[in-house]
Every structure is written in structure tokens, then in C-alpha cells.
Protein backbone atom coordinates (compact mmCIF):
# COMPACT_ATOMS: atom_id res chain seq x y z
CA MET A 1 92.03 141.50 84.65
CA SER A 2 91.07 142.33 80.86
CA GLY A 3 87.55 141.89 80.11
CA ILE A 4 85.18 143.85 77.66
CA THR A 5 81.89 145.34 77.91
CA ILE A 6 79.22 143.98 74.92
CA TYR A 7 75.23 144.04 74.77
CA GLU A 8 72.25 141.26 74.51
CA PHE A 9 72.31 139.42 71.77
CA ASP A 10 75.73 140.25 71.06
CA ALA A 11 78.39 137.71 70.03
CA LEU A 12 81.62 136.68 70.80
CA MET A 13 84.35 134.82 68.62
CA ALA A 14 87.23 133.94 69.06
CA ALA A 15 91.02 136.16 69.30
CA GLY A 16 92.67 134.01 66.68
CA SER A 17 89.31 133.38 64.34
CA GLU A 18 90.10 135.02 61.02
CA ALA A 19 86.75 136.73 60.45
CA ALA A 20 86.55 140.12 60.60
CA SER A 21 84.78 141.64 63.66
CA GLY A 22 82.09 144.42 63.15
CA GLU A 23 78.89 145.86 64.90
CA GLY A 24 77.44 143.22 67.92
CA LEU A 25 80.69 140.73 67.28
CA HIS A 26 83.37 141.12 69.73
CA ARG A 27 86.86 138.97 70.08
CA VAL A 28 87.72 137.44 73.42
CA PRO A 29 90.85 135.26 74.13
CA ASP A 30 90.79 131.95 72.72
CA LYS A 31 90.96 129.69 76.15
CA VAL A 32 88.22 132.08 77.23
CA TYR A 33 86.16 131.60 73.83
CA GLY A 34 86.54 128.04 74.60
CA TRP A 35 85.12 128.32 78.07
CA LEU A 36 82.11 130.14 76.57
CA GLU A 37 81.40 127.07 74.01
CA ASP A 38 81.58 124.55 76.94
CA GLN A 39 79.00 126.17 78.62
CA CYS A 40 77.04 126.44 76.02
CA LEU A 41 77.18 122.94 75.97
CA ARG A 42 76.58 122.29 79.22
CA VAL A 43 73.70 124.81 79.36
CA ALA A 44 71.91 122.60 76.42
CA GLU A 45 72.37 119.48 78.49
CA ASP A 46 71.61 120.67 81.60
CA GLY A 47 68.25 122.10 80.36
CA GLU A 48 68.92 125.32 82.57
CA ALA A 49 67.96 128.83 81.43
CA THR A 50 69.48 129.89 78.19
CA TRP A 51 72.33 132.34 78.66
CA LEU A 52 74.17 131.32 76.02
CA ARG A 53 74.00 130.02 72.60
CA LEU A 54 75.97 128.98 70.00
CA ASN A 55 75.17 130.56 66.42
CA GLN A 56 76.98 131.37 63.53
CA ARG A 57 78.30 135.05 62.08
CA ARG A 58 79.77 135.34 58.80
CA GLY A 59 79.84 131.64 58.16
CA ARG A 60 81.84 131.46 61.46
CA ARG A 61 81.15 129.66 64.59
CA VAL A 62 80.27 132.12 67.35
CA VAL A 63 78.62 132.35 70.51
CA GLN A 64 75.86 134.64 70.92
CA VAL A 65 74.59 135.92 74.40
CA THR A 66 70.90 136.36 75.38
CA SER A 67 68.57 138.31 76.83
CA PHE A 68 70.79 138.09 79.88
CA VAL A 69 72.50 141.31 81.74
CA GLY A 70 75.04 141.26 84.39
CA VAL A 71 78.55 139.99 84.50
CA ILE A 72 80.32 136.88 83.31
CA ARG A 73 83.40 136.17 85.06
CA ALA A 74 85.85 133.33 82.94
CA PRO A 75 87.83 131.35 85.26
CA ASP A 76 90.89 133.28 84.45
CA GLY A 77 89.42 136.10 85.28
CA PHE A 78 88.80 137.55 82.02
CA GLN A 79 85.51 139.47 82.09
CA ILE A 80 82.37 139.88 80.27
CA GLU A 81 79.81 143.00 80.73
CA VAL A 82 76.51 142.64 78.95
CA LEU A 83 74.52 145.64 79.51
CA PRO A 84 70.34 146.31 78.14
CA LYS A 85 70.19 146.25 74.14
CA VAL A 86 67.85 149.62 75.03
CA GLY A 87 70.60 151.37 76.17
CA LYS A 88 72.16 151.31 72.60
CA ALA A 89 67.92 152.22 71.33
CA ILE A 90 68.09 155.17 73.69
CA GLY A 91 70.96 156.65 72.03
CA GLY A 92 73.12 156.30 75.11
CA GLY A 93 76.43 154.80 75.56
CA ALA A 94 77.65 151.90 77.94
CA ASN A 95 77.59 154.72 81.02
CA GLU A 96 73.84 155.31 80.44
CA ALA A 97 72.74 151.76 80.22
CA ARG A 98 75.17 150.46 83.24
CA GLN A 99 73.19 153.55 85.04
CA LEU A 100 69.72 152.25 83.75
CA LEU A 101 70.66 148.86 84.71
CA ILE A 102 71.57 149.92 88.18
CA ASP A 103 68.10 151.83 88.23
CA MET A 104 66.03 148.73 87.22
CA LEU A 105 68.29 145.98 89.34
CA SER A 106 67.20 147.90 92.37
CA CYS A 107 63.56 147.11 91.89
CA LEU A 108 64.38 143.21 92.13
CA GLN A 109 64.13 142.36 96.20
CA ALA A 110 67.78 141.20 96.16
CA PHE A 111 68.78 144.46 95.34
CA ARG A 112 67.21 146.94 97.20
CA HIS A 113 69.84 147.49 99.44
CA VAL A 114 71.69 149.76 96.44
CA GLU A 115 72.34 153.33 97.03
CA THR A 116 71.31 154.12 93.35
CA ASP A 117 73.08 157.66 93.68
CA SER A 118 76.56 156.56 94.54
CA ALA A 119 76.37 153.61 92.49
CA LYS A 120 75.15 155.57 89.24
CA ILE A 121 78.35 158.35 89.91
CA ALA A 122 80.34 154.77 90.44
CA ALA A 123 78.96 153.56 87.33
CA ALA A 124 80.25 156.26 85.05
CA ARG A 125 84.07 155.27 85.59
CA MET A 126 84.08 151.76 86.47
CA PRO A 127 82.40 148.86 85.12
CA LEU A 128 79.56 146.56 86.74
CA LEU A 129 81.21 144.28 88.79
CA GLU A 130 83.38 146.82 89.76
CA VAL A 131 80.20 148.80 90.71
CA PHE A 132 79.14 145.96 92.74
CA ILE A 133 81.92 145.34 95.04
CA ALA A 134 81.82 149.50 95.63
CA GLU A 135 78.40 149.70 96.62
CA PHE A 136 79.41 146.40 99.57
CA LEU A 137 82.73 148.14 100.59
CA ARG A 138 80.67 151.17 101.62
CA ALA A 139 78.52 149.31 103.30
CA VAL A 140 81.07 147.65 105.21
CA GLU A 141 82.94 150.73 105.92
CA HIS A 142 80.06 151.84 107.39
CA ILE A 143 79.40 149.13 109.90
CA VAL A 144 83.29 149.69 110.37
CA LYS A 145 82.74 153.18 111.25
CA ARG A 146 79.78 152.43 114.13
CA GLY A 147 82.00 149.86 115.38
CA LEU A 148 82.24 145.82 115.17
CA ARG A 149 79.49 143.80 117.31
CA GLY A 150 80.40 141.13 119.45
CA ASP A 151 79.44 138.75 121.99
CA TYR A 152 80.70 137.57 124.88
CA SER A 153 81.02 133.76 124.97
CA SER A 154 81.91 131.46 128.04
CA ARG A 155 85.56 130.14 127.90
CA GLN A 156 87.25 127.65 129.97
CA ASP A 157 91.04 127.89 129.99
CA ASN A 158 94.31 127.52 131.89
CA LEU A 159 95.52 130.85 132.52
CA PHE A 160 98.04 132.81 134.48
CA ALA A 161 96.03 135.28 136.03
CA PHE A 162 92.57 134.46 137.95
CA ARG A 163 89.66 135.63 135.86
CA GLY A 164 86.01 134.64 136.30
CA LYS A 165 85.48 131.29 138.13
CA LEU A 166 87.63 128.82 139.53
CA LEU A 167 86.93 125.40 138.58
CA MET A 168 87.78 123.29 141.35
CA ALA A 169 88.04 119.58 139.80
CA PRO A 170 90.17 120.35 136.62
CA HIS A 171 92.40 123.15 138.67
CA LEU A 172 93.41 120.38 141.15
CA HIS A 173 94.20 117.87 138.09
CA GLN A 174 96.03 119.94 136.50
CA ASN A 175 98.11 122.55 138.40
CA LEU A 176 98.43 120.29 142.00
CA TYR A 177 101.91 121.35 141.38
CA ARG A 178 101.48 124.45 139.44
CA ALA A 179 101.09 127.07 141.80
CA ASP A 180 101.11 129.74 139.23
CA ARG A 181 98.25 128.75 136.90
CA PHE A 182 94.14 128.74 137.25
CA PHE A 183 91.57 126.40 135.83
CA THR A 184 88.66 129.10 135.35
CA GLU A 185 85.62 129.65 133.10
CA HIS A 186 85.23 133.13 132.30
CA ASP A 187 82.91 135.39 129.87
CA GLU A 188 85.27 136.93 126.79
CA PHE A 189 84.25 139.26 124.82
CA SER A 190 84.89 138.21 120.87
CA THR A 191 84.03 139.29 117.31
CA ASP A 192 83.98 136.24 116.31
CA ARG A 193 80.54 135.93 115.40
CA PRO A 194 78.63 134.83 112.20
CA GLU A 195 78.23 138.16 110.87
CA ASN A 196 81.70 139.67 111.20
CA ARG A 197 82.85 135.59 109.89
CA LEU A 198 81.08 136.54 106.46
CA LEU A 199 82.02 139.89 105.98
CA HIS A 200 85.56 139.16 106.16
CA ALA A 201 84.97 136.24 103.65
CA ALA A 202 83.48 138.34 101.67
CA LEU A 203 85.94 141.24 102.04
CA ARG A 204 88.72 139.03 100.95
CA ARG A 205 86.41 137.08 98.65
CA ALA A 206 86.11 140.64 96.54
CA LEU A 207 89.12 141.46 96.80
CA SER A 208 90.79 138.48 94.50
CA PHE A 209 87.83 140.14 91.66
CA SER A 210 88.44 143.82 92.17
CA ALA A 211 90.86 145.32 89.67
CA ALA A 212 89.85 148.72 90.59
CA GLN A 213 92.97 150.09 92.82
CA ALA A 214 90.71 151.98 94.66
CA ASN A 215 88.20 149.03 95.46
CA GLN A 216 91.95 146.85 96.08
CA GLN A 217 92.82 149.71 98.47
CA LEU A 218 89.72 149.96 100.42
CA ALA A 219 89.11 146.00 100.47
CA ARG A 220 92.72 145.66 102.43
CA GLU A 221 92.09 148.67 104.92
CA LEU A 222 88.35 146.90 105.90
CA ALA A 223 90.23 143.23 105.79
CA PHE A 224 92.87 144.79 108.53
CA VAL A 225 90.07 145.69 110.87
CA PHE A 226 88.47 142.15 110.67
CA ALA A 227 92.46 140.82 111.34
CA ASP A 228 90.88 139.09 114.50
CA VAL A 229 88.09 137.44 113.02
CA PRO A 230 88.34 134.40 111.52
CA VAL A 231 87.29 134.04 107.68
CA SER A 232 83.93 132.12 107.33
CA THR A 233 84.78 128.68 105.81
CA GLN A 234 80.73 127.19 106.00
CA PRO A 235 78.83 130.42 104.40
CA ARG A 236 75.51 128.52 104.23
CA THR A 237 75.75 127.38 107.93
CA ASP A 238 76.97 130.76 108.86
CA PHE A 239 73.88 132.56 107.19
CA GLN A 240 71.22 130.45 108.92
CA ARG A 241 73.06 131.39 112.26
CA VAL A 242 72.85 135.57 111.64
CA ARG A 243 71.22 137.37 113.76
CA LEU A 244 70.34 140.87 113.51
CA ASP A 245 69.59 141.31 117.11
CA ARG A 246 68.49 144.69 118.47
CA GLY A 247 70.87 148.06 117.37
CA MET A 248 72.26 145.52 114.48
CA GLY A 249 70.11 146.79 111.36
CA TYR A 250 73.28 148.76 109.96
CA TYR A 251 74.57 145.36 109.14
CA ALA A 252 71.61 144.12 106.96
CA ASP A 253 72.88 146.18 103.94
CA ALA A 254 76.44 144.58 104.23
CA LEU A 255 75.27 141.22 104.53
CA ALA A 256 72.78 141.08 101.60
CA TRP A 257 75.76 141.98 99.67
CA ALA A 258 77.92 138.74 101.31
CA HIS A 259 75.05 136.67 100.56
CA ILE A 260 75.58 137.87 96.70
CA ILE A 261 79.49 137.50 96.81
CA LEU A 262 79.75 134.35 98.63
CA ASP A 263 76.93 132.38 97.03
CA GLU A 264 77.57 134.23 93.68
CA GLU A 265 73.16 134.39 94.58
CA SER A 266 72.07 135.65 91.29
CA PRO A 267 69.41 134.01 88.76
CA LEU A 268 71.59 132.52 87.04
CA THR A 269 75.96 131.37 88.17
CA GLY A 270 78.49 129.40 86.68
CA LYS A 271 77.97 125.97 87.95
CA GLY A 272 80.35 122.78 87.21
CA GLY A 273 83.97 121.84 87.38
CA HIS A 274 84.82 125.09 85.98
CA ARG A 275 82.81 126.85 88.10
CA ALA A 276 83.59 131.02 87.99
CA PRO A 277 81.41 133.46 90.14
CA SER A 278 78.82 135.24 87.39
CA LEU A 279 75.99 138.16 87.98
CA LEU A 280 73.27 137.21 85.55
CA PHE A 281 69.69 138.38 85.00
CA PRO A 282 66.83 137.87 82.92
CA MET A 283 66.07 141.96 81.40
CA GLU A 284 62.16 140.04 81.09
CA ALA A 285 62.17 139.64 85.24
CA VAL A 286 64.17 142.75 85.54
CA PHE A 287 61.55 144.84 83.53
CA GLU A 288 59.02 143.68 84.87
CA ALA A 289 60.26 144.58 88.77
CA PHE A 290 60.98 147.82 87.36
CA VAL A 291 57.40 148.42 85.92
CA ALA A 292 55.48 147.32 88.85
CA LYS A 293 57.98 149.39 91.55
CA HIS A 294 56.58 152.40 89.09
CA LEU A 295 53.48 151.41 87.86
CA ALA A 296 51.91 151.40 91.23
CA ARG A 297 52.67 155.08 91.66
CA GLN A 298 51.04 156.02 88.35
CA LEU A 299 47.45 154.45 89.84
CA ALA A 300 44.96 156.09 91.41
CA ARG A 301 44.49 155.73 95.01
CA SER A 302 41.45 153.37 95.00
CA LEU A 303 42.79 150.86 93.01
CA ILE A 304 45.63 148.18 94.14
CA LEU A 305 48.59 146.53 91.43
CA LYS A 306 49.10 142.45 92.45
CA THR A 307 52.03 141.05 90.68
CA GLN A 308 52.10 137.59 89.37
CA ALA A 309 48.31 136.65 89.91
CA ARG A 310 47.54 132.78 90.18
CA SER A 311 43.82 132.64 90.60
CA HIS A 312 42.92 131.20 87.23
CA HIS A 313 44.04 128.04 85.28
CA LEU A 314 43.82 127.76 81.59
CA VAL A 315 41.24 124.21 81.53
CA ARG A 316 39.47 121.65 84.08
CA HIS A 317 39.96 118.11 83.98
CA ARG A 318 38.66 115.41 85.82
CA GLU A 319 38.15 117.42 88.76
CA GLN A 320 41.61 119.18 88.39
CA TYR A 321 42.64 122.68 87.26
CA TRP A 322 45.70 122.62 84.69
CA PHE A 323 47.66 125.18 83.52
CA ARG A 324 48.05 128.11 85.85
CA LEU A 325 47.64 131.46 84.37
CA LYS A 326 50.02 134.22 85.33
CA PRO A 327 49.81 137.62 84.16
CA ASP A 328 52.24 139.63 85.37
CA LEU A 329 50.26 142.28 86.72
CA LEU A 330 46.72 142.76 87.50
CA ILE A 331 44.96 145.69 88.68
CA ARG A 332 42.10 145.18 91.25
CA ASP A 333 39.38 148.06 91.87
CA ARG A 334 37.03 146.79 95.45
CA GLY A 335 37.88 143.28 95.57
CA ARG A 336 37.59 142.99 91.45
CA ASP A 337 39.56 142.09 88.56
CA ALA A 338 39.89 145.49 86.50
CA LEU A 339 42.87 145.30 83.94
CA VAL A 340 45.27 142.38 83.05
CA LEU A 341 48.85 143.97 81.98
CA ASP A 342 51.99 142.06 81.34
CA THR A 343 55.71 143.10 80.23
CA LYS A 344 57.56 142.27 77.31
CA TRP A 345 61.00 142.95 76.96
CA LYS A 346 61.27 143.42 73.51
CA LEU A 347 62.21 146.20 70.86
CA LEU A 348 59.22 147.13 69.15
CA ASP A 349 59.24 149.11 65.59
CA GLY A 350 56.00 151.31 65.25
CA LEU A 351 55.88 152.05 61.71
CA LYS A 352 56.54 148.41 60.64
CA ALA A 353 53.06 147.41 60.69
CA SER A 354 52.67 145.38 57.64
CA GLY A 355 53.67 142.56 56.07
CA ALA A 356 55.57 140.23 58.47
CA ASP A 357 56.74 142.50 60.92
CA LYS A 358 53.58 143.07 62.62
CA TYR A 359 55.77 145.87 64.65
CA GLY A 360 57.56 142.99 65.68
CA LEU A 361 54.69 141.65 67.78
CA SER A 362 54.60 137.72 68.74
CA GLN A 363 51.66 135.86 67.64
CA GLY A 364 52.07 133.78 71.20
CA ASP A 365 51.87 136.70 73.38
CA PHE A 366 48.32 137.41 71.69
CA TYR A 367 47.17 134.05 72.48
CA GLN A 368 48.60 134.37 75.90
CA LEU A 369 46.88 137.87 76.58
CA GLN A 370 43.16 136.24 75.08
CA ALA A 371 43.46 133.78 77.66
CA TYR A 372 44.26 136.24 80.15
CA GLY A 373 41.34 137.97 79.60
CA GLN A 374 38.80 135.53 79.06
CA SER A 375 39.87 133.96 82.29
CA TYR A 376 40.22 137.18 84.94
CA LEU A 377 38.08 139.59 82.89
CA ASP A 378 35.15 136.94 81.76
CA GLY A 379 36.53 138.21 77.82
CA GLU A 380 35.02 141.93 78.84
CA GLY A 381 37.44 144.90 79.42
CA ALA A 382 41.35 145.67 78.88
CA VAL A 383 44.50 143.73 78.71
CA VAL A 384 47.59 144.92 77.97
CA LEU A 385 50.95 144.81 76.91
CA ILE A 386 54.07 146.46 77.96
CA TYR A 387 57.28 147.16 76.07
CA PRO A 388 59.80 149.25 76.56
CA LYS A 389 59.55 152.86 74.99
CA THR A 390 62.43 154.07 71.95
CA ALA A 391 62.49 156.02 69.24
CA ALA A 392 61.01 153.78 67.19
CA PHE A 393 58.03 152.89 69.45
CA HIS A 394 57.16 156.02 71.58
CA GLN A 395 53.41 156.32 71.65
CA PRO A 396 50.92 153.67 71.65
CA LEU A 397 49.55 151.46 69.11
CA PRO A 398 46.30 151.80 67.34
CA VAL A 399 43.91 149.07 69.56
CA PHE A 400 43.71 145.50 68.68
CA GLU A 401 40.12 143.66 68.47
CA PHE A 402 39.59 139.95 69.03
CA PRO A 403 37.11 139.19 66.26
CA LYS A 404 35.38 136.45 68.46
CA SER A 405 35.48 138.14 71.84
CA ASP A 406 33.17 142.03 71.01
CA GLY A 407 34.15 142.85 74.64
CA LEU A 408 37.76 142.29 74.71
CA ARG A 409 40.28 144.62 73.50
CA LEU A 410 44.14 144.41 73.17
CA TRP A 411 46.71 147.72 73.89
CA VAL A 412 50.39 147.50 73.19
CA LEU A 413 52.09 150.55 75.06
CA PRO A 414 55.35 151.94 75.85
CA PHE A 415 56.98 152.36 79.06
CA CYS A 416 59.41 155.01 79.31
CA LEU A 417 62.79 153.89 81.49
CA THR A 418 63.77 157.32 82.22
CA SER A 419 60.37 158.92 83.41
CA ARG A 420 59.47 155.62 84.65
CA ARG A 421 55.38 156.11 83.30
CA LEU A 422 53.61 154.17 81.62
CA ALA A 423 52.14 156.15 78.17
CA ILE A 424 48.17 156.46 78.37
CA PRO A 425 46.32 156.49 74.92
CA HIS A 426 43.65 159.18 75.45
CA GLY A 427 40.26 157.64 75.13
CA ALA A 428 40.84 154.41 76.71
CA PRO A 429 38.86 152.72 78.67
CA PHE A 430 41.21 152.34 81.53
CA ALA A 431 42.59 155.86 81.54
CA ALA A 432 40.87 156.22 84.79
CA ALA A 433 42.89 153.41 86.31
CA PHE A 434 45.88 156.21 86.31
CA GLY A 435 44.67 159.12 87.59
CA VAL A 436 41.90 160.56 85.89
CA GLY A 437 38.10 159.50 87.72
CA VAL A 438 37.50 155.81 88.63
CA ILE A 439 37.86 152.63 87.15
CA GLU A 440 34.69 150.57 86.54
CA PRO A 441 35.32 147.37 87.78
CA THR A 442 35.09 144.43 85.39
CA PRO A 443 32.05 141.58 86.77
CA THR A 444 33.81 138.18 87.42
CA ARG A 445 32.61 135.27 88.04
């Protein structure tokens, strides 16, 4: 099973193309490229998240990935691993970018069960999909070592040996002339329960996905342990029947992985007639979750960090409120809104302030933050845009002022992905929120 590793916003072209490949331009088999073009058209028709788009490079048509990262798996098994572009910007290679992504994914709700230490070791020698499979196999191996859980269930059968309770009516009906049989009702211990059926099905599917010899060998060994357990044929129904009874907590991680493997559960999956399992994640959401988790640890204890606040709207029309304002992060102090923050997964250049560059900032983001400041802070205080820290953007930009809002200021700050801390400028009015003194809350209506 073959594949390639690329970065966000890299482009793909058919192997048979006459154009020369280069930085950010990669070749894939013609059949895979045709499938990718079909996916672009389907995405455009369905109005779904644009994880792929058609583009041109050097006069040739190409397929460009966007800000989604993870694994794209074509129907023939060819895998395209997409890593965060910041992996290149901070001077690392594919291994460093993969390890960084694993750290960031562990902050998402569906991936909080990832053992980052073992996953990062695996990331140094295998692609992302193999890392996920290895994590799943590790979780199943833990279950096998502790023992598969089973249930006693009532069963009726015509047996050669007497067990349980004799059911006289069916016994006389079937065994009137057979003294060697007993029709009984008895309790039988069985490992055939939804949790085990799901794990067996996920093991079989992981085995078909994996190309790593170590993963294949372990998957076969574990599947052998589940030989007496039927494979789940209706995963959705079995997931609804899952019961993590007392003493079954050790099943939780493996079932979380099974949910991802069987349902191909990710923010985006391949669909349609050429359905292919893919695990893709929008980096905006991944970065937001990563910042939220670690920023909360940087705050003064008296403050509360809220994610996706929804208490204000942009306008009111005919007694109805329209266009809900949802900043990524909101810091509150004693029940009052104190600081509004929004994360942006984009690479800035702190030296390009003049002309059309404007550091790479977006005018639309400034409009958005101004609306947040007016609604949540009554136009008085500070709003913050957070971007990933790179060599080109390693310190806060000078403060921005809104000419029509004398009391509102906007700060653009770098968040270090390795130290997991937000750079706080000296003298900023919100510096106290991050451990120095106590922040003064902005009065709200």
C-alpha cells in the first residue's frame, strides 16, 4: 500500500502530467488523481467544507488540499497524509509536524484518549493513519490482558446432557421417543456482547487498512482472541447498546477508537459511490481546541475561560435577534466579560506591515473582533487575535486602535505551539489576567 506525505495547501497532479513537480506540488497515480477531481466536483455540488479544490499551477490543472489535515485514503488504498503547514514554518520536518499534530488532536473531544507519549514515538517511524491504528491496537491489547467481559444469557436448547431447568412441554413434544435428549432452559456465559462485537469488527477493518507489518501482526493476534465473538454487522445499533458497566472502564479507550474506525468518524469523511475512509480535521478547530486547553492553565485562578460564548447577537429585528456572535474564547471575571479572544490558523509575517501585505491580516477578522468588542465589552477594553508563533511572527504586534471606538483596542499575539503559551506584551491592560495581579472587569449592560 503506497502513499505520500504533503502539507496544507500543497497541490497534487497526475503522474502522467508533463509538468515538472516542485515545492508544494506532488504527483499521484492517474487513477487517484481522477478520484480526487471527482471529490472536488462532489464537494462543490454538495456545498460541503472545501477540503479539496481545483486550481492551476504552471498552466496545468491540479487538485489543492486546503486547511484540513489528517489522512485521505483513495478507494484503491493509496494514502495521502496531510500535515500542518506550520511544521515547515517552525523549521521541523514531517516527523516533527506529525508529532505536533498528535499533540494538538489530543485536545479534541473525540481524541482525548490518545496516549500522546506512545503516539509520538510511533509518529517518528510511521504515517499518521498507522499511528492511529497502533493506538487502537494498544487499547485492545490492554483489554485482552485484563480479559474479555461476557454475560450470562438464558438459552433454550435440546441437549444430550441435562442442564438448568427442564421445559416439560417442548421436551415431551420433541423427545417422546428420545430418552437421550433433554429440552432445557439454562444460563450460558458468552462473550458475544455489543462491545466485543464492535472491537472485533474494528480489528478486521484496521487489518485491512494497515500496511505496517507490526500493526498487521498484532491485529491478527488480537483478532484470534475474538474468534468466538461474531463481527458486528450493525455498528450503529451495537454502539447504542454499549453498556460500560461497573468494572468495564478499561473498554472506553478501545471503543472510542472503534467508533472512529467503524464510522470513519471525523469532521469530514469521503462519501458517495466511491466512499473511502478518510480522517480529516479542520486546523482552525484543532488550533482553537489546543489554545483553549493550554491557555486556561496560563490564566490567573480567579478567572474563567469559556469557549464558543453565545450570549450576544449582531442585530435585533422585529423583536428577534439575528446573527449570533460567537467568539472562540471569552475570559470572565466574577460573572463579567473581561476579555474576548479569537484564534486564527494562519501564518503571519511580523516584518510585512506596509502596502497590501499588512502582516497577512484579514480586514474581515478585524470587523469581526470589533463586533465582539462592542457586544461583549460595551466597546471598552481589549480584544485579541491569536495566531501560531513562527520565526516570522514571534512577538506581539503593536496595538491596533479603532478610530471610532476610543475605548477599544485590538491586540495580535503569537501562541507558541511548543511551549504552549501565549505571548503577553508588557504593559497590556489584560496582562494581569495571566498571573500578574487581578484584571479589572469591563462593566456590562
